[in-house]
Amino acid sequence: MYAVVKTSGNRQAKVFVGDVIRVEKLEAPVGDLVELDSVRLLVKDDAVVANPESLVGAKVVCQVVGHGRGKKIRVFKRKRKNNYTRLQGHRQSYTDLKVNEIVG
């Protein structure tokens, strides 16, 4: 049994029970339970459920494992012939979730 869940923005993740997924930072303490209720697809016992009306009660229950920050990305801008350069760094914050249960 697995599900495809919308996590944040336009991102989707295919999750199985026991998986650890990385999503954008959530304001939840470590050890707290989080419900992802925007399930897009549900597959159980070789039956595929993709109808939005059938997925109204479906949800994925996850536990917050930890928080962190990703690898540094360098953003470099340059305009030639104008003596213009800018260098900026960025680190994206994330939350690790462990999938405990798929309800549907």
Protein backbone atom coordinates (compact mmCIF):
# COMPACT_ATOMS: atom_id res chain seq x y z
CA MET A 1 0.00 0.00 0.00
CA TYR A 2 1.31 3.43 -0.94
CA ALA A 3 0.05 6.94 -1.51
CA VAL A 4 1.02 10.05 -3.45
CA VAL A 5 0.75 13.10 -1.21
CA LYS A 6 1.01 16.83 -1.92
CA THR A 7 3.53 18.08 0.64
CA SER A 8 4.11 21.78 0.07
CA GLY A 9 3.57 24.05 -2.88
CA ASN A 10 3.42 21.89 -6.00
CA ARG A 11 5.62 19.10 -4.64
CA GLN A 12 4.34 15.57 -4.42
CA ALA A 13 5.86 12.52 -2.76
CA LYS A 14 5.22 8.80 -3.15
CA VAL A 15 5.18 7.37 0.38
CA PHE A 16 5.12 3.88 1.87
CA VAL A 17 4.64 3.05 5.55
CA GLY A 18 8.01 3.40 7.29
CA ASP A 19 9.51 5.85 4.78
CA VAL A 20 11.27 9.03 5.86
CA ILE A 21 10.47 11.98 3.59
CA ARG A 22 11.93 15.48 3.53
CA VAL A 23 9.50 18.40 3.18
CA GLU A 24 9.74 22.16 3.60
CA LYS A 25 9.98 23.28 7.21
CA LEU A 26 6.90 22.72 9.34
CA GLU A 27 6.29 24.51 12.64
CA ALA A 28 5.92 21.29 14.66
CA PRO A 29 8.19 20.05 17.46
CA VAL A 30 10.22 16.85 17.12
CA GLY A 31 8.12 13.81 18.03
CA ASP A 32 4.80 15.46 17.15
CA LEU A 33 2.29 13.77 14.82
CA VAL A 34 1.42 15.53 11.55
CA GLU A 35 -1.44 14.60 9.22
CA LEU A 36 -1.01 15.13 5.49
CA ASP A 37 -4.57 15.17 4.20
CA SER A 38 -4.04 16.19 0.57
CA VAL A 39 -3.75 12.66 -0.85
CA ARG A 40 -3.67 12.59 -4.66
CA LEU A 41 -3.46 8.83 -5.29
CA LEU A 42 -3.96 5.75 -3.15
CA VAL A 43 -2.96 2.20 -4.11
CA LYS A 44 -3.99 -0.70 -1.89
CA ASP A 45 -4.33 -4.39 -2.78
CA ASP A 46 -3.82 -3.69 -6.53
CA ALA A 47 -6.73 -1.22 -6.53
CA VAL A 48 -5.88 2.31 -7.66
CA VAL A 49 -7.99 5.13 -6.26
CA ALA A 50 -7.45 8.48 -8.01
CA ASN A 51 -10.93 10.03 -7.87
CA PRO A 52 -10.86 13.19 -5.69
CA GLU A 53 -14.35 12.46 -4.28
CA SER A 54 -13.17 9.02 -3.12
CA LEU A 55 -10.06 10.46 -1.45
CA VAL A 56 -11.86 12.93 0.83
CA GLY A 57 -11.21 10.94 4.03
CA ALA A 58 -7.74 9.72 3.06
CA LYS A 59 -4.73 10.96 5.01
CA VAL A 60 -1.16 10.07 5.83
CA VAL A 61 -0.09 10.19 9.49
CA CYS A 62 3.56 11.12 9.99
CA GLN A 63 5.85 11.74 12.93
CA VAL A 64 8.37 14.59 12.95
CA VAL A 65 11.86 13.07 13.13
CA GLY A 66 13.94 16.23 12.92
CA HIS A 67 14.61 19.63 11.42
CA GLY A 68 17.62 20.90 9.52
CA ARG A 69 19.01 23.08 6.80
CA GLY A 70 20.12 21.93 3.37
CA LYS A 71 23.32 22.39 1.46
CA LYS A 72 24.33 25.95 0.63
CA ILE A 73 23.37 27.18 -2.82
CA ARG A 74 25.24 30.08 -4.37
CA VAL A 75 23.23 32.56 -6.41
CA PHE A 76 25.47 34.57 -8.75
CA LYS A 77 24.23 37.46 -10.86
CA ARG A 78 26.30 39.26 -13.46
CA LYS A 79 25.67 41.87 -16.11
CA ARG A 80 28.50 42.15 -18.54
CA LYS A 81 29.81 45.53 -19.67
CA ASN A 82 28.26 47.17 -16.60
CA ASN A 83 30.68 46.05 -13.87
CA TYR A 84 27.78 44.47 -11.95
CA THR A 85 28.17 41.25 -9.95
CA ARG A 86 26.28 39.97 -6.93
CA LEU A 87 26.93 36.79 -4.96
CA GLN A 88 24.35 35.53 -2.50
CA GLY A 89 24.02 32.28 -0.56
CA HIS A 90 20.89 30.38 0.45
CA ARG A 91 20.17 27.37 2.68
CA GLN A 92 16.68 25.88 2.59
CA SER A 93 15.16 24.71 5.87
CA TYR A 94 13.51 21.29 5.94
CA THR A 95 11.65 18.83 8.16
CA ASP A 96 12.09 15.05 8.11
CA LEU A 97 8.84 13.07 8.49
CA LYS A 98 8.49 9.33 9.14
CA VAL A 99 5.31 7.81 7.71
CA ASN A 100 3.50 5.85 10.42
CA GLU A 101 0.15 5.09 8.81
CA ILE A 102 -1.80 5.52 5.59
CA VAL A 103 -5.54 5.87 6.20
CA GLY A 104 -7.90 5.56 3.28
